[in-house]
Amino acid sequence: MNKKLHFFLVMAFTFLGSASLFAQCAPGDSLSCPDPEGNGQICPDTLEPAFIAVPYHQEITFIAPVEIDTLGMQVTLDHVTLVSVDGLPEGIDWQTNAENNEFTAGIYYCILFSGTTNGPPGNYPLKIVVDVYGIVLNQVVKLMTTEDSTSLSMVVKWDPNTISEYSGFFKKIWPNPFNDVLNIELAESITTSCQLEVYNLLGNPVYQKTIPGTALEKKLQFDGSFLPGGIYFIRLKYNGHRYTGMVYKRE
């Protein structure tokens, strides 16, 4: 593949956003993102991974090539326009600082990736459609529509250290993530009855159980085999207080 066209396609597959929104980001320049040959450039060229339940924020600088090779002919590029994107992890949005998502050739723009995803973990291939406009006989004409679903992807990871924050009597909750059974270790024994509750991310209760004090030592077990995969909040109500932990159930 021609080098210029290759650079163009790689960058085109990275342009995402909403036509009505402008990213609050600042594009780089020729020093931070040099493009000495005018082939187009994107900096950085690899997306940082997103972590479940952790706010994601990454700015990318992009400059479109000034020419592309079409059927063996060098054609001056006017601009590229983003049409659609599919396959993003739920909770992650894209915005650009380009009006109507039109990227003029040879001009630096920025793309902001932001949001918080709830997973599940894995690799998310992105399907991106871009319209390409060139200058032919002094007229701006649409040259092609490119579609790609293999070149760019976003990786979503699970880091239990980022969301295994426990409060109060929760000393340890494991395994996290869990498949079916979750173990809850308390910082001290509780001698009176308590209420164990589990909530989904929407705040809806999915499990409630009153546990008598005589049955409670320093450990509890919760069988979550009936739950679909995702993030849940474990809440213990005891002696007028509420103690909360966050866990992740595998698919």
Protein backbone atom coordinates (compact mmCIF):
# COMPACT_ATOMS: atom_id res chain seq x y z
CA MET A 1 0.00 0.00 0.00
CA ASN A 2 1.24 3.50 -0.80
CA LYS A 3 2.79 5.11 2.28
CA LYS A 4 0.63 8.23 2.10
CA LEU A 5 -2.57 6.25 1.69
CA HIS A 6 -1.53 3.95 4.51
CA PHE A 7 -0.99 6.89 6.87
CA PHE A 8 -4.30 8.37 5.81
CA LEU A 9 -6.25 5.20 6.47
CA VAL A 10 -4.67 4.66 9.88
CA MET A 11 -5.54 8.19 10.91
CA ALA A 12 -8.98 8.13 9.37
CA PHE A 13 -9.85 5.10 11.44
CA THR A 14 -9.03 7.10 14.54
CA PHE A 15 -11.28 10.10 13.91
CA LEU A 16 -14.34 9.81 16.08
CA GLY A 17 -16.75 12.21 17.64
CA SER A 18 -20.13 13.84 17.75
CA ALA A 19 -20.98 16.39 15.10
CA SER A 20 -22.64 18.71 17.59
CA LEU A 21 -19.95 18.61 20.29
CA PHE A 22 -16.52 20.18 20.52
CA ALA A 23 -13.81 18.54 22.55
CA GLN A 24 -12.24 20.51 25.36
CA CYS A 25 -8.75 19.65 24.25
CA ALA A 26 -5.77 21.39 22.70
CA PRO A 27 -4.12 20.00 19.56
CA GLY A 28 -0.38 19.58 19.38
CA ASP A 29 1.85 21.25 16.82
CA SER A 30 4.78 20.53 14.54
CA LEU A 31 7.08 20.19 17.55
CA SER A 32 5.01 17.71 19.54
CA CYS A 33 3.58 15.91 16.50
CA PRO A 34 5.90 16.48 13.51
CA ASP A 35 4.76 15.62 9.98
CA PRO A 36 7.79 16.56 7.84
CA GLU A 37 6.67 14.67 4.72
CA GLY A 38 3.05 15.81 4.78
CA ASN A 39 1.81 12.23 4.93
CA GLY A 40 -0.41 12.91 7.91
CA GLN A 41 0.21 12.05 11.52
CA ILE A 42 -1.48 11.02 14.75
CA CYS A 43 0.09 11.41 18.18
CA PRO A 44 0.13 9.12 20.04
CA ASP A 45 -0.66 6.29 17.62
CA THR A 46 -1.82 3.83 20.31
CA LEU A 47 -4.77 4.30 22.65
CA GLU A 48 -4.17 3.98 26.37
CA PRO A 49 -6.22 1.18 27.97
CA ALA A 50 -9.39 2.03 29.85
CA PHE A 51 -9.98 0.60 33.32
CA ILE A 52 -13.40 -0.39 34.60
CA ALA A 53 -15.01 2.21 36.88
CA VAL A 54 -12.08 4.61 36.42
CA PRO A 55 -12.63 7.91 34.55
CA TYR A 56 -10.89 7.80 31.18
CA HIS A 57 -9.34 10.84 29.52
CA GLN A 58 -6.96 10.92 26.59
CA GLU A 59 -6.21 13.63 24.06
CA ILE A 60 -4.95 12.81 20.59
CA THR A 61 -3.48 15.18 18.02
CA PHE A 62 -4.25 14.59 14.35
CA ILE A 63 -3.23 16.17 11.06
CA ALA A 64 -4.62 14.89 7.76
CA PRO A 65 -2.28 14.41 4.77
CA VAL A 66 -2.32 17.04 2.07
CA GLU A 67 -2.32 14.45 -0.71
CA ILE A 68 -3.44 10.86 -1.15
CA ASP A 69 -2.77 8.28 -3.81
CA THR A 70 -5.99 7.24 -5.56
CA LEU A 71 -5.73 4.66 -8.34
CA GLY A 72 -2.10 5.62 -8.89
CA MET A 73 -2.84 9.35 -9.07
CA GLN A 74 -1.83 11.99 -6.55
CA VAL A 75 -4.95 13.88 -5.49
CA THR A 76 -4.94 16.96 -3.27
CA LEU A 77 -6.97 16.29 -0.15
CA ASP A 78 -9.46 18.94 0.99
CA HIS A 79 -10.85 17.35 4.15
CA VAL A 80 -12.18 14.18 5.72
CA THR A 81 -15.52 13.85 7.52
CA LEU A 82 -16.42 11.35 10.21
CA VAL A 83 -19.61 9.46 9.42
CA SER A 84 -20.08 6.85 12.15
CA VAL A 85 -18.34 4.67 14.72
CA ASP A 86 -19.46 1.44 16.36
CA GLY A 87 -17.99 -0.88 18.94
CA LEU A 88 -17.00 1.60 21.65
CA PRO A 89 -17.09 0.36 25.24
CA GLU A 90 -20.26 1.55 26.92
CA GLY A 91 -19.63 4.78 28.78
CA ILE A 92 -16.76 6.03 26.58
CA ASP A 93 -17.48 8.99 24.27
CA TRP A 94 -15.45 10.78 21.64
CA GLN A 95 -15.42 14.47 20.82
CA THR A 96 -13.35 16.53 18.42
CA ASN A 97 -12.59 20.22 18.10
CA ALA A 98 -13.48 20.14 14.39
CA GLU A 99 -16.77 21.74 13.35
CA ASN A 100 -19.12 19.09 11.95
CA ASN A 101 -16.22 16.65 12.36
CA GLU A 102 -14.61 18.00 9.18
CA PHE A 103 -10.81 17.79 9.32
CA THR A 104 -9.14 20.14 6.85
CA ALA A 105 -5.98 18.68 5.32
CA GLY A 106 -2.72 19.95 6.79
CA ILE A 107 -4.33 21.44 9.93
CA TYR A 108 -3.77 20.15 13.46
CA TYR A 109 -6.87 18.99 15.36
CA CYS A 110 -7.47 17.20 18.62
CA ILE A 111 -9.70 14.32 19.64
CA LEU A 112 -10.78 13.76 23.23
CA PHE A 113 -11.58 10.28 24.50
CA SER A 114 -13.46 10.45 27.81
CA GLY A 115 -15.97 8.73 30.04
CA THR A 116 -16.19 5.84 32.47
CA THR A 117 -16.86 2.31 31.30
CA ASN A 118 -18.33 -0.53 33.31
CA GLY A 119 -16.85 -3.17 31.03
CA PRO A 120 -16.78 -6.02 30.63
CA PRO A 121 -13.00 -6.26 30.20
CA GLY A 122 -11.68 -7.16 26.78
CA ASN A 123 -10.64 -5.83 23.41
CA TYR A 124 -13.14 -3.63 21.58
CA PRO A 125 -12.51 -3.40 17.81
CA LEU A 126 -13.83 -0.14 16.43
CA LYS A 127 -15.75 0.09 13.17
CA ILE A 128 -15.28 3.54 11.71
CA VAL A 129 -16.65 5.09 8.52
CA VAL A 130 -14.99 8.18 7.03
CA ASP A 131 -15.82 10.22 3.91
CA VAL A 132 -12.82 11.55 1.98
CA TYR A 133 -13.01 14.77 -0.04
CA GLY A 134 -10.42 15.92 -2.56
CA ILE A 135 -9.94 18.73 -5.05
CA VAL A 136 -10.50 17.71 -8.67
CA LEU A 137 -10.62 20.32 -11.46
CA ASN A 138 -10.80 23.04 -8.79
CA GLN A 139 -13.89 21.43 -7.29
CA VAL A 140 -14.24 19.72 -3.92
CA VAL A 141 -15.60 16.26 -4.61
CA LYS A 142 -16.14 13.15 -2.55
CA LEU A 143 -13.45 10.66 -3.46
CA MET A 144 -14.38 7.66 -1.35
CA THR A 145 -15.92 6.29 1.80
CA THR A 146 -13.57 4.17 3.89
CA GLU A 147 -14.73 1.61 6.44
CA ASP A 148 -12.54 -0.31 8.82
CA SER A 149 -13.20 -2.71 11.69
CA THR A 150 -9.74 -4.19 12.26
CA SER A 151 -7.10 -1.45 12.50
CA LEU A 152 -8.02 0.28 15.75
CA SER A 153 -9.32 -1.03 19.04
CA MET A 154 -9.68 0.00 22.66
CA VAL A 155 -8.67 -2.34 25.45
CA VAL A 156 -10.72 -2.35 28.65
CA LYS A 157 -9.00 -3.77 31.71
CA TRP A 158 -9.99 -4.67 35.22
CA ASP A 159 -7.75 -3.56 38.06
CA PRO A 160 -9.17 -4.70 41.42
CA ASN A 161 -6.94 -2.19 43.20
CA THR A 162 -8.85 0.68 41.60
CA ILE A 163 -12.34 -0.26 42.76
CA SER A 164 -11.80 -2.56 45.72
CA GLU A 165 -12.27 0.30 48.14
CA TYR A 166 -13.86 -0.88 51.34
CA SER A 167 -15.16 1.19 54.20
CA GLY A 168 -15.83 0.52 57.85
CA PHE A 169 -16.05 -3.13 58.78
CA PHE A 170 -15.08 -4.47 55.34
CA LYS A 171 -11.50 -5.60 55.81
CA LYS A 172 -11.26 -7.70 52.67
CA ILE A 173 -13.56 -8.87 49.89
CA TRP A 174 -12.31 -11.67 47.66
CA PRO A 175 -11.98 -12.93 45.01
CA ASN A 176 -12.50 -9.69 43.16
CA PRO A 177 -13.50 -10.11 40.38
CA PHE A 178 -15.56 -13.16 41.35
CA ASN A 179 -17.41 -15.87 39.45
CA ASP A 180 -20.11 -17.06 41.88
CA VAL A 181 -19.21 -16.96 45.57
CA LEU A 182 -17.86 -13.82 47.22
CA ASN A 183 -16.11 -13.89 50.60
CA ILE A 184 -16.44 -10.90 52.91
CA GLU A 185 -14.02 -10.51 55.80
CA LEU A 186 -14.90 -8.04 58.54
CA ALA A 187 -12.51 -6.00 60.63
CA GLU A 188 -14.18 -7.19 63.83
CA SER A 189 -16.97 -9.45 64.98
CA ILE A 190 -20.50 -8.10 65.05
CA THR A 191 -22.69 -9.44 67.81
CA THR A 192 -26.07 -8.06 66.75
CA SER A 193 -28.04 -8.62 63.56
CA CYS A 194 -27.12 -6.77 60.38
CA GLN A 195 -28.52 -6.27 56.89
CA LEU A 196 -26.50 -7.40 53.86
CA GLU A 197 -27.54 -5.72 50.61
CA VAL A 198 -26.29 -5.81 47.02
CA TYR A 199 -27.03 -3.07 44.48
CA ASN A 200 -26.38 -2.78 40.76
CA LEU A 201 -24.88 0.32 39.13
CA LEU A 202 -28.33 1.87 38.72
CA GLY A 203 -28.79 1.76 42.48
CA ASN A 204 -31.43 -0.96 42.33
CA PRO A 205 -31.29 -3.65 45.04
CA VAL A 206 -30.66 -7.14 43.68
CA TYR A 207 -30.19 -8.94 47.00
CA GLN A 208 -31.15 -8.35 50.63
CA LYS A 209 -30.74 -10.57 53.66
CA THR A 210 -30.93 -10.06 57.41
CA ILE A 211 -28.21 -11.95 59.25
CA PRO A 212 -28.65 -12.66 62.98
CA GLY A 213 -25.77 -11.67 65.21
CA THR A 214 -25.36 -15.20 66.51
CA ALA A 215 -24.60 -16.40 62.97
CA LEU A 216 -22.09 -13.69 62.23
CA GLU A 217 -18.43 -13.93 63.12
CA LYS A 218 -15.83 -12.15 61.03
CA LYS A 219 -16.64 -13.70 57.66
CA LEU A 220 -19.63 -13.74 55.33
CA GLN A 221 -20.27 -15.46 52.04
CA PHE A 222 -22.47 -14.16 49.26
CA ASP A 223 -23.59 -16.46 46.43
CA GLY A 224 -23.92 -14.21 43.40
CA SER A 225 -24.28 -16.96 40.81
CA PHE A 226 -27.71 -15.60 39.86
CA LEU A 227 -26.32 -12.18 38.89
CA PRO A 228 -25.26 -11.16 35.37
CA GLY A 229 -21.70 -9.92 34.94
CA GLY A 230 -20.94 -6.36 35.94
CA ILE A 231 -20.13 -4.03 38.83
CA TYR A 232 -22.05 -4.25 42.11
CA PHE A 233 -22.05 -2.50 45.46
CA ILE A 234 -21.97 -4.58 48.64
CA ARG A 235 -23.57 -2.76 51.56
CA LEU A 236 -23.66 -3.80 55.19
CA LYS A 237 -26.09 -2.03 57.53
CA TYR A 238 -25.12 -2.37 61.15
CA ASN A 239 -25.82 -0.41 64.30
CA GLY A 240 -27.15 2.60 62.41
CA HIS A 241 -24.19 2.76 60.01
CA ARG A 242 -23.72 1.75 56.38
CA TYR A 243 -20.51 0.23 55.04
CA THR A 244 -19.99 -0.17 51.30
CA GLY A 245 -17.62 -2.01 48.98
CA MET A 246 -17.48 -2.34 45.19
CA VAL A 247 -16.98 -5.65 43.38
CA TYR A 248 -16.98 -6.99 39.84
CA LYS A 249 -18.68 -10.21 38.72
CA ARG A 250 -17.28 -11.93 35.65
CA GLU A 251 -19.55 -12.73 32.73
